[in-house]
Amino acid sequence: MSWLNHVANPTGLENIYTEGTPSLSGVSLHEVRLVRDGPSLILRFDLNRPPQNPPKKWITKGFNTVQLEITLGGIHEVRLDGFTTTIRADISLTKPDLVTLKANSAGARISATADAAFLSKISAYCNEDETH
């Protein structure tokens, strides 16, 4: 089962990734944020491959990297072990009862359980490291 089956609003991502759900292996993790409203946990990261059906404005602007924010709402438990300036993490989302998120890399480990998960933001930018 795809990780996208465990988020409440997958349509936006499904519309641009028409040839299958993008992998959450080796994503570039930019930010981990805890918010007392909810309480919520937000992860912001870059996907590893471009979409097959990007919006025209992304093409026009030369955007080559899709960035997602996933929000877990109604957090029951969060654990963060380590953090570094460059994190390539493998993220998983499962939902036996509560949504469980795990993000593992050489420099950081994150785990959380929550009532729900949703895609809070889908954006793109020109990643200079990816143009060479």
Protein backbone atom coordinates (compact mmCIF):
# COMPACT_ATOMS: atom_id res chain seq x y z
CA MET A 1 0.00 0.00 0.00
CA SER A 2 1.27 3.45 -0.92
CA TRP A 3 2.13 6.06 1.72
CA LEU A 4 -0.27 8.38 -0.12
CA ASN A 5 -3.19 6.19 0.99
CA HIS A 6 -2.56 7.39 4.55
CA VAL A 7 -2.94 11.13 3.88
CA ALA A 8 -6.33 12.83 3.83
CA ASN A 9 -5.91 14.83 0.61
CA PRO A 10 -3.74 13.06 -1.99
CA THR A 11 -5.41 14.52 -5.12
CA GLY A 12 -2.98 17.41 -5.73
CA LEU A 13 0.03 15.10 -5.74
CA GLU A 14 -1.78 12.43 -7.77
CA ASN A 15 -2.57 15.06 -10.42
CA ILE A 16 1.09 15.89 -11.04
CA TYR A 17 2.58 12.41 -10.45
CA THR A 18 0.48 10.57 -12.99
CA GLU A 19 2.80 7.54 -13.29
CA GLY A 20 2.72 6.41 -9.68
CA THR A 21 3.29 7.73 -6.21
CA PRO A 22 6.76 9.23 -5.68
CA SER A 23 9.01 7.41 -3.26
CA LEU A 24 9.85 8.86 0.15
CA SER A 25 13.25 7.13 0.18
CA GLY A 26 16.29 9.37 0.35
CA VAL A 27 14.34 12.63 0.45
CA SER A 28 16.11 15.84 1.41
CA LEU A 29 14.60 16.87 4.75
CA HIS A 30 14.63 20.65 5.26
CA GLU A 31 12.49 21.22 8.32
CA VAL A 32 10.77 19.55 11.26
CA ARG A 33 8.33 21.79 13.08
CA LEU A 34 6.14 21.23 16.13
CA VAL A 35 3.05 23.41 16.52
CA ARG A 36 0.92 23.50 19.64
CA ASP A 37 -2.29 23.92 17.62
CA GLY A 38 -3.52 20.42 17.00
CA PRO A 39 -0.89 19.64 18.33
CA SER A 40 0.81 19.14 14.97
CA LEU A 41 4.10 17.96 13.49
CA ILE A 42 5.14 19.30 10.07
CA LEU A 43 7.89 17.85 7.89
CA ARG A 44 9.14 19.78 4.83
CA PHE A 45 11.21 17.88 2.29
CA ASP A 46 12.18 17.57 -1.39
CA LEU A 47 11.06 14.63 -3.49
CA ASN A 48 13.66 12.78 -5.56
CA ARG A 49 12.01 12.85 -8.95
CA PRO A 50 10.17 15.43 -11.01
CA PRO A 51 6.45 15.04 -11.73
CA GLN A 52 5.15 13.81 -15.08
CA ASN A 53 2.44 16.48 -15.23
CA PRO A 54 3.80 19.66 -13.57
CA PRO A 55 1.84 22.91 -13.68
CA LYS A 56 2.81 25.11 -16.64
CA LYS A 57 4.13 27.84 -14.33
CA TRP A 58 6.65 25.36 -12.88
CA ILE A 59 7.88 24.52 -16.38
CA THR A 60 8.07 28.19 -17.37
CA LYS A 61 10.10 29.06 -14.28
CA GLY A 62 12.46 26.11 -14.72
CA PHE A 63 11.52 24.46 -11.42
CA ASN A 64 13.18 21.07 -11.10
CA THR A 65 12.41 20.03 -7.51
CA VAL A 66 9.06 19.34 -5.86
CA GLN A 67 8.82 20.13 -2.17
CA LEU A 68 6.14 18.76 0.14
CA GLU A 69 4.94 19.58 3.61
CA ILE A 70 3.20 16.76 5.43
CA THR A 71 1.32 17.68 8.59
CA LEU A 72 0.38 15.19 11.28
CA GLY A 73 -2.50 16.47 13.36
CA GLY A 74 -3.61 15.30 16.77
CA ILE A 75 -0.15 14.13 17.79
CA HIS A 76 0.04 11.46 20.47
CA GLU A 77 3.80 10.92 20.53
CA VAL A 78 6.90 12.44 18.93
CA ARG A 79 10.51 11.38 19.18
CA LEU A 80 13.47 13.19 17.59
CA ASP A 81 16.98 11.78 17.89
CA GLY A 82 19.69 13.93 16.31
CA PHE A 83 19.58 16.53 13.56
CA THR A 84 22.18 17.70 11.06
CA THR A 85 22.52 20.30 8.33
CA THR A 86 22.08 17.80 5.49
CA ILE A 87 19.56 15.03 5.99
CA ARG A 88 18.73 12.39 3.37
CA ALA A 89 15.96 10.44 5.06
CA ASP A 90 13.76 7.49 4.32
CA ILE A 91 10.24 8.41 5.40
CA SER A 92 7.39 5.97 5.91
CA LEU A 93 3.72 6.53 6.72
CA THR A 94 1.54 3.68 7.95
CA LYS A 95 -1.89 3.55 9.50
CA PRO A 96 -2.86 0.45 11.41
CA ASP A 97 -5.03 2.59 13.72
CA LEU A 98 -3.22 5.89 14.24
CA VAL A 99 -0.97 7.36 11.55
CA THR A 100 2.65 6.45 12.23
CA LEU A 101 5.47 8.43 10.65
CA LYS A 102 9.10 7.34 10.70
CA ALA A 103 11.99 9.25 9.16
CA ASN A 104 15.43 7.69 9.36
CA SER A 105 18.80 8.93 8.17
CA ALA A 106 22.42 8.67 9.26
CA GLY A 107 22.11 11.89 11.29
CA ALA A 108 18.52 11.90 12.51
CA ARG A 109 15.64 9.68 13.49
CA ILE A 110 12.08 10.94 13.84
CA SER A 111 9.00 8.99 14.83
CA ALA A 112 5.49 10.15 15.58
CA THR A 113 1.95 8.88 15.96
CA ALA A 114 -1.06 11.06 15.24
CA ASP A 115 -4.78 10.99 14.49
CA ALA A 116 -4.39 12.13 10.87
CA ALA A 117 -1.93 13.15 8.15
CA PHE A 118 -2.42 15.51 5.23
CA LEU A 119 -0.44 17.25 2.52
CA SER A 120 -0.34 20.81 3.79
CA LYS A 121 1.74 22.20 0.91
CA ILE A 122 2.97 21.20 -2.53
CA SER A 123 5.44 23.58 -4.14
CA ALA A 124 8.43 23.57 -6.47
CA TYR A 125 11.64 25.51 -6.95
CA CYS A 126 14.81 25.55 -9.02
CA ASN A 127 17.39 23.54 -7.10
CA GLU A 128 20.77 24.68 -8.43
CA ASP A 129 22.37 21.42 -7.24
CA GLU A 130 20.04 19.47 -9.56
CA THR A 131 20.81 21.46 -12.73
CA HIS A 132 24.31 20.08 -13.29
